[in-house]
Every structure is written in C-alpha cells, then in structure tokens.
C-alpha cells in the first residue's frame, strides 16, 4: 500500500523537481490500465490506441508520461532518432519512449479526433470531438515543416496531406510538394 501511494506521488511531481532521474510508477512496468483505451495493431503504424467505450468531447483520455529530461538531453535523443520526446516548457521535455507510457502508441492523424495539451507541466491527450467505441485515437504530432519530407504520413484519411506536420504548415507544404513534382 505504501508503495502505491509513493508511486502516485512520484507521478505528480512537477518536472523541475524530478529532472535528475526517471519518474517511474512500478506497477505500470508490468500492467497498464486505462479505462478509455486498449492497445492493438494499427493499420497506420505498428500499434494504436482504440476507444474501449464512447468518449465525450473534452475528456482527458490519457496522460503522456515519461522521464523528465533537459533540453540538451532532448536534442541528443531527437538526433538519435527518438520520436517520443515531448516539449513541456522552456526548461524540460519528456522522454516518452519508456515502456510504462502507453500513450506513445497513439498515432498521428491528419483528421485527428484528439489533441495534446500541457496542463501544469503535464501532457494530456484530450478528445476534440465525440469518439466512438472501437475508433482509433489520433492526434496531430505538429512536427515542423523543415523535417516534413522525412516523416511521411500513413493515416489514410481523406484529409491526409502526406506528411506529419502541424496543420498551420499545410498550405506551405502543398506548395513544396508541387515544387518537388516539377
């Protein structure tokens, strides 16, 4: 019982107090339970997160968790190909590649039904519309335009722009794609 209370407290530490080491919840290393999601193979990429039940718009579906890291360490991980680094604030990021972070399985989608939001230095995935039972949860990863051609999108949506970039870049991306075709 004491270990469970300790784990809950360690998950809720502000990032500036836990950057020295991993913030781990021992029970999550062995089993991950989420009342809204189950995880299985996805047609988009590897595994995906699917709604166990209907989810109302605005619901906090799952927290994106991991080890708090410095900006310098985040840059090193990104250069090494770690695609699970999440920007939190001007001081810290989260390395979500840990096995106790099931939110890492949520895929990118150009016609997303969820979004990420940072609330008190914690990353939440929230429903942006009603999500039906069995539907795959998708959010826009909002990558920068400069790396667009290194990150093709496989979401298959009618709205798919072909690359994983933030929607604020879609107009510019369309022009770059046309330019490459010539």
C-alpha atoms as a PDB file:
ATOM      1  CA  UNK A   1       0.000   0.000   0.000  1.00  0.00           C
ATOM      2  CA  UNK A   2       2.815   2.425   0.860  1.00  0.00           C
ATOM      3  CA  UNK A   3       4.495   1.709  -2.489  1.00  0.00           C
ATOM      4  CA  UNK A   4       1.278   2.549  -4.352  1.00  0.00           C
ATOM      5  CA  UNK A   5       0.965   5.869  -2.508  1.00  0.00           C
ATOM      6  CA  UNK A   6       4.615   6.636  -3.264  1.00  0.00           C
ATOM      7  CA  UNK A   7       4.113   5.835  -6.953  1.00  0.00           C
ATOM      8  CA  UNK A   8       1.125   8.148  -7.206  1.00  0.00           C
ATOM      9  CA  UNK A   9       3.070  10.971  -5.566  1.00  0.00           C
ATOM     10  CA  UNK A  10       6.106  10.455  -7.830  1.00  0.00           C
ATOM     11  CA  UNK A  11       3.929  10.645 -10.957  1.00  0.00           C
ATOM     12  CA  UNK A  12       2.581  14.016  -9.869  1.00  0.00           C
ATOM     13  CA  UNK A  13       5.878  15.761  -9.111  1.00  0.00           C
ATOM     14  CA  UNK A  14       6.441  18.963 -11.045  1.00  0.00           C
ATOM     15  CA  UNK A  15       9.071  18.464 -13.751  1.00  0.00           C
ATOM     16  CA  UNK A  16      11.583  20.858 -12.203  1.00  0.00           C
ATOM     17  CA  UNK A  17      11.829  18.597  -9.125  1.00  0.00           C
ATOM     18  CA  UNK A  18      12.305  15.285 -10.930  1.00  0.00           C
ATOM     19  CA  UNK A  19      14.688  16.011 -13.800  1.00  0.00           C
ATOM     20  CA  UNK A  20      17.539  14.218 -12.035  1.00  0.00           C
ATOM     21  CA  UNK A  21      16.154  10.780 -12.777  1.00  0.00           C
ATOM     22  CA  UNK A  22      13.230   8.783 -14.072  1.00  0.00           C
ATOM     23  CA  UNK A  23       9.792   9.267 -12.608  1.00  0.00           C
ATOM     24  CA  UNK A  24       8.593   5.688 -12.520  1.00  0.00           C
ATOM     25  CA  UNK A  25       5.454   4.024 -11.358  1.00  0.00           C
ATOM     26  CA  UNK A  26       6.480   0.433 -10.527  1.00  0.00           C
ATOM     27  CA  UNK A  27       3.021  -1.056 -11.149  1.00  0.00           C
ATOM     28  CA  UNK A  28       2.963   0.392 -14.681  1.00  0.00           C
ATOM     29  CA  UNK A  29       6.063  -1.559 -15.685  1.00  0.00           C
ATOM     30  CA  UNK A  30       4.003  -4.725 -15.548  1.00  0.00           C
ATOM     31  CA  UNK A  31       0.461  -3.692 -16.351  1.00  0.00           C
ATOM     32  CA  UNK A  32      -1.018  -0.585 -17.846  1.00  0.00           C
ATOM     33  CA  UNK A  33      -4.693   0.025 -17.330  1.00  0.00           C
ATOM     34  CA  UNK A  34      -6.694   2.816 -18.901  1.00  0.00           C
ATOM     35  CA  UNK A  35     -10.476   2.993 -18.676  1.00  0.00           C
ATOM     36  CA  UNK A  36     -10.799   4.595 -22.124  1.00  0.00           C
ATOM     37  CA  UNK A  37      -8.221   2.759 -24.245  1.00  0.00           C
ATOM     38  CA  UNK A  38      -6.945  -0.588 -25.335  1.00  0.00           C
ATOM     39  CA  UNK A  39      -3.865  -1.054 -27.494  1.00  0.00           C
ATOM     40  CA  UNK A  40      -3.585  -3.301 -30.540  1.00  0.00           C
ATOM     41  CA  UNK A  41      -2.155  -3.460 -34.055  1.00  0.00           C
ATOM     42  CA  UNK A  42      -2.928  -0.436 -36.202  1.00  0.00           C
ATOM     43  CA  UNK A  43      -3.260  -0.065 -39.962  1.00  0.00           C
ATOM     44  CA  UNK A  44      -1.498   3.294 -39.658  1.00  0.00           C
ATOM     45  CA  UNK A  45       1.689   2.292 -37.839  1.00  0.00           C
ATOM     46  CA  UNK A  46       2.724  -0.507 -35.507  1.00  0.00           C
ATOM     47  CA  UNK A  47       0.277  -0.336 -32.575  1.00  0.00           C
ATOM     48  CA  UNK A  48      -2.526   2.110 -31.924  1.00  0.00           C
ATOM     49  CA  UNK A  49      -4.844   3.189 -29.135  1.00  0.00           C
ATOM     50  CA  UNK A  50      -8.546   2.368 -29.552  1.00  0.00           C
ATOM     51  CA  UNK A  51     -11.572   3.577 -27.612  1.00  0.00           C
ATOM     52  CA  UNK A  52     -12.976   0.920 -25.239  1.00  0.00           C
ATOM     53  CA  UNK A  53     -16.160   2.970 -24.958  1.00  0.00           C
ATOM     54  CA  UNK A  54     -17.632   6.157 -26.362  1.00  0.00           C
ATOM     55  CA  UNK A  55     -15.541   9.141 -25.219  1.00  0.00           C
ATOM     56  CA  UNK A  56     -17.065  12.602 -24.810  1.00  0.00           C
ATOM     57  CA  UNK A  57     -15.511  15.691 -26.374  1.00  0.00           C
ATOM     58  CA  UNK A  58     -13.149  17.379 -23.894  1.00  0.00           C
ATOM     59  CA  UNK A  59     -12.334  14.191 -21.953  1.00  0.00           C
ATOM     60  CA  UNK A  60      -8.764  13.758 -20.699  1.00  0.00           C
ATOM     61  CA  UNK A  61      -8.164  10.372 -22.318  1.00  0.00           C
ATOM     62  CA  UNK A  62      -4.645   9.597 -21.096  1.00  0.00           C
ATOM     63  CA  UNK A  63      -1.556  11.316 -19.765  1.00  0.00           C
ATOM     64  CA  UNK A  64       1.626  11.162 -21.851  1.00  0.00           C
ATOM     65  CA  UNK A  65       4.244  10.229 -19.259  1.00  0.00           C
ATOM     66  CA  UNK A  66       7.959   9.579 -19.186  1.00  0.00           C
ATOM     67  CA  UNK A  67      11.275  10.693 -17.842  1.00  0.00           C
ATOM     68  CA  UNK A  68      11.762  14.448 -17.440  1.00  0.00           C
ATOM     69  CA  UNK A  69      14.882  15.487 -19.353  1.00  0.00           C
ATOM     70  CA  UNK A  70      16.793  18.664 -20.057  1.00  0.00           C
ATOM     71  CA  UNK A  71      16.572  20.424 -23.423  1.00  0.00           C
ATOM     72  CA  UNK A  72      20.164  19.360 -24.127  1.00  0.00           C
ATOM     73  CA  UNK A  73      19.348  15.687 -23.496  1.00  0.00           C
ATOM     74  CA  UNK A  74      16.168  16.009 -25.556  1.00  0.00           C
ATOM     75  CA  UNK A  75      18.167  17.282 -28.528  1.00  0.00           C
ATOM     76  CA  UNK A  76      20.578  14.338 -28.224  1.00  0.00           C
ATOM     77  CA  UNK A  77      17.679  11.859 -28.165  1.00  0.00           C
ATOM     78  CA  UNK A  78      15.999  13.502 -31.154  1.00  0.00           C
ATOM     79  CA  UNK A  79      19.258  13.380 -33.123  1.00  0.00           C
ATOM     80  CA  UNK A  80      19.488   9.668 -32.253  1.00  0.00           C
ATOM     81  CA  UNK A  81      16.010   9.102 -33.732  1.00  0.00           C
ATOM     82  CA  UNK A  82      13.873   9.040 -30.572  1.00  0.00           C
ATOM     83  CA  UNK A  83      10.459  10.202 -31.798  1.00  0.00           C
ATOM     84  CA  UNK A  84       8.855  10.155 -28.349  1.00  0.00           C
ATOM     85  CA  UNK A  85      10.287  13.396 -26.940  1.00  0.00           C
ATOM     86  CA  UNK A  86       7.550  15.828 -25.943  1.00  0.00           C
ATOM     87  CA  UNK A  87       8.194  19.524 -25.298  1.00  0.00           C
ATOM     88  CA  UNK A  88       6.830  20.609 -21.910  1.00  0.00           C
ATOM     89  CA  UNK A  89       8.177  24.065 -21.104  1.00  0.00           C
ATOM     90  CA  UNK A  90      11.262  26.206 -21.679  1.00  0.00           C
ATOM     91  CA  UNK A  91      13.320  24.096 -19.245  1.00  0.00           C
ATOM     92  CA  UNK A  92      12.250  20.481 -19.654  1.00  0.00           C
ATOM     93  CA  UNK A  93      10.920  17.886 -22.060  1.00  0.00           C
ATOM     94  CA  UNK A  94       9.628  14.355 -21.517  1.00  0.00           C
ATOM     95  CA  UNK A  95      11.182  11.227 -22.974  1.00  0.00           C
ATOM     96  CA  UNK A  96       8.059   9.153 -23.556  1.00  0.00           C
ATOM     97  CA  UNK A  97       9.884   6.128 -25.009  1.00  0.00           C
ATOM     98  CA  UNK A  98       9.624   4.316 -21.662  1.00  0.00           C
ATOM     99  CA  UNK A  99       7.629   1.102 -21.598  1.00  0.00           C
ATOM    100  CA  UNK A 100       5.330   2.450 -18.888  1.00  0.00           C
ATOM    101  CA  UNK A 101       3.975   5.136 -21.255  1.00  0.00           C
ATOM    102  CA  UNK A 102       1.179   3.557 -23.300  1.00  0.00           C
ATOM    103  CA  UNK A 103       0.265   6.963 -24.772  1.00  0.00           C
ATOM    104  CA  UNK A 104       3.311   6.569 -27.036  1.00  0.00           C
ATOM    105  CA  UNK A 105       1.196   4.198 -29.125  1.00  0.00           C
ATOM    106  CA  UNK A 106      -1.254   6.921 -30.148  1.00  0.00           C
ATOM    107  CA  UNK A 107      -0.683   7.542 -33.840  1.00  0.00           C
ATOM    108  CA  UNK A 108      -0.625  10.751 -35.847  1.00  0.00           C
ATOM    109  CA  UNK A 109      -3.638  11.525 -37.991  1.00  0.00           C
ATOM    110  CA  UNK A 110      -4.337  14.433 -40.339  1.00  0.00           C
ATOM    111  CA  UNK A 111      -8.042  14.187 -39.416  1.00  0.00           C
ATOM    112  CA  UNK A 112      -7.435  13.840 -35.672  1.00  0.00           C
ATOM    113  CA  UNK A 113     -10.046  13.166 -33.007  1.00  0.00           C
ATOM    114  CA  UNK A 114      -7.778  14.215 -30.127  1.00  0.00           C
ATOM    115  CA  UNK A 115      -5.077  16.742 -29.300  1.00  0.00           C
ATOM    116  CA  UNK A 116      -2.276  17.132 -26.818  1.00  0.00           C
ATOM    117  CA  UNK A 117      -2.486  19.820 -24.170  1.00  0.00           C
ATOM    118  CA  UNK A 118       0.006  20.779 -21.484  1.00  0.00           C
ATOM    119  CA  UNK A 119      -1.683  21.438 -18.153  1.00  0.00           C
ATOM    120  CA  UNK A 120       0.549  22.271 -15.185  1.00  0.00           C
ATOM    121  CA  UNK A 121       3.603  20.775 -16.944  1.00  0.00           C
ATOM    122  CA  UNK A 122       1.764  17.515 -17.624  1.00  0.00           C
ATOM    123  CA  UNK A 123       0.850  16.330 -21.124  1.00  0.00           C
ATOM    124  CA  UNK A 124      -2.719  15.169 -21.624  1.00  0.00           C
ATOM    125  CA  UNK A 125      -4.367  13.716 -24.694  1.00  0.00           C
ATOM    126  CA  UNK A 126      -7.885  15.179 -24.911  1.00  0.00           C
ATOM    127  CA  UNK A 127     -10.820  14.278 -27.140  1.00  0.00           C
ATOM    128  CA  UNK A 128     -11.588  17.081 -29.629  1.00  0.00           C
ATOM    129  CA  UNK A 129     -14.915  15.513 -30.586  1.00  0.00           C
ATOM    130  CA  UNK A 130     -17.045  12.554 -29.570  1.00  0.00           C
ATOM    131  CA  UNK A 131     -15.061   9.378 -30.213  1.00  0.00           C
ATOM    132  CA  UNK A 132     -16.976   6.165 -30.850  1.00  0.00           C
ATOM    133  CA  UNK A 133     -16.162   2.816 -29.248  1.00  0.00           C
ATOM    134  CA  UNK A 134     -13.605   0.958 -31.398  1.00  0.00           C
ATOM    135  CA  UNK A 135     -12.318   4.104 -33.126  1.00  0.00           C
ATOM    136  CA  UNK A 136      -8.552   4.646 -33.203  1.00  0.00           C
ATOM    137  CA  UNK A 137      -7.393   7.677 -31.217  1.00  0.00           C
ATOM    138  CA  UNK A 138      -5.313  10.056 -33.366  1.00  0.00           C
ATOM    139  CA  UNK A 139      -3.751  13.437 -32.792  1.00  0.00           C
ATOM    140  CA  UNK A 140      -1.622  15.712 -34.959  1.00  0.00           C
ATOM    141  CA  UNK A 141       2.003  15.430 -33.869  1.00  0.00           C
ATOM    142  CA  UNK A 142       2.519  19.015 -35.103  1.00  0.00           C
ATOM    143  CA  UNK A 143       6.022  18.459 -36.457  1.00  0.00           C
ATOM    144  CA  UNK A 144       7.835  21.413 -38.003  1.00  0.00           C
ATOM    145  CA  UNK A 145       7.812  21.933 -41.755  1.00  0.00           C
ATOM    146  CA  UNK A 146      11.614  21.660 -42.060  1.00  0.00           C
ATOM    147  CA  UNK A 147      11.524  17.881 -41.458  1.00  0.00           C
ATOM    148  CA  UNK A 148       8.288  17.170 -43.336  1.00  0.00           C
ATOM    149  CA  UNK A 149       9.771  15.033 -46.096  1.00  0.00           C
ATOM    150  CA  UNK A 150      11.477  12.820 -43.510  1.00  0.00           C
ATOM    151  CA  UNK A 151       8.118  11.991 -41.909  1.00  0.00           C
ATOM    152  CA  UNK A 152       5.585  10.577 -44.368  1.00  0.00           C
ATOM    153  CA  UNK A 153       2.051  10.152 -43.061  1.00  0.00           C
ATOM    154  CA  UNK A 154       0.155   6.866 -43.366  1.00  0.00           C
ATOM    155  CA  UNK A 155      -3.114   7.901 -41.742  1.00  0.00           C
ATOM    156  CA  UNK A 156      -5.146   7.204 -44.884  1.00  0.00           C
ATOM    157  CA  UNK A 157      -7.626   9.995 -44.153  1.00  0.00           C
ATOM    158  CA  UNK A 158      -9.330  11.838 -46.999  1.00  0.00           C
ATOM    159  CA  UNK A 159      -7.726  14.945 -45.421  1.00  0.00           C
ATOM    160  CA  UNK A 160      -4.219  13.421 -45.371  1.00  0.00           C
ATOM    161  CA  UNK A 161      -1.528  15.842 -46.556  1.00  0.00           C
ATOM    162  CA  UNK A 162       1.030  13.065 -46.987  1.00  0.00           C
ATOM    163  CA  UNK A 163       3.421  14.172 -44.253  1.00  0.00           C
ATOM    164  CA  UNK A 164       3.374  14.519 -40.474  1.00  0.00           C
ATOM    165  CA  UNK A 165       3.349  18.291 -39.932  1.00  0.00           C
ATOM    166  CA  UNK A 166       1.308  20.755 -37.940  1.00  0.00           C
ATOM    167  CA  UNK A 167      -1.813  21.942 -39.753  1.00  0.00           C
ATOM    168  CA  UNK A 168      -0.504  25.519 -39.688  1.00  0.00           C
ATOM    169  CA  UNK A 169       2.062  24.339 -42.294  1.00  0.00           C
ATOM    170  CA  UNK A 170      -0.332  22.549 -44.640  1.00  0.00           C
ATOM    171  CA  UNK A 171      -0.573  25.451 -47.124  1.00  0.00           C
ATOM    172  CA  UNK A 172       3.204  25.814 -47.359  1.00  0.00           C
ATOM    173  CA  UNK A 173       3.621  22.036 -47.533  1.00  0.00           C
ATOM    174  CA  UNK A 174       1.251  21.817 -50.513  1.00  0.00           C
ATOM    175  CA  UNK A 175       3.405  24.384 -52.371  1.00  0.00           C
ATOM    176  CA  UNK A 176       6.599  22.482 -51.523  1.00  0.00           C
ATOM    177  CA  UNK A 177       5.106  19.196 -52.734  1.00  0.00           C
ATOM    178  CA  UNK A 178       4.078  20.841 -56.032  1.00  0.00           C
ATOM    179  CA  UNK A 179       7.581  22.295 -56.410  1.00  0.00           C
ATOM    180  CA  UNK A 180       9.158  18.843 -55.888  1.00  0.00           C
ATOM    181  CA  UNK A 181       6.937  17.336 -58.606  1.00  0.00           C
ATOM    182  CA  UNK A 182       8.302  19.747 -61.229  1.00  0.00           C
END
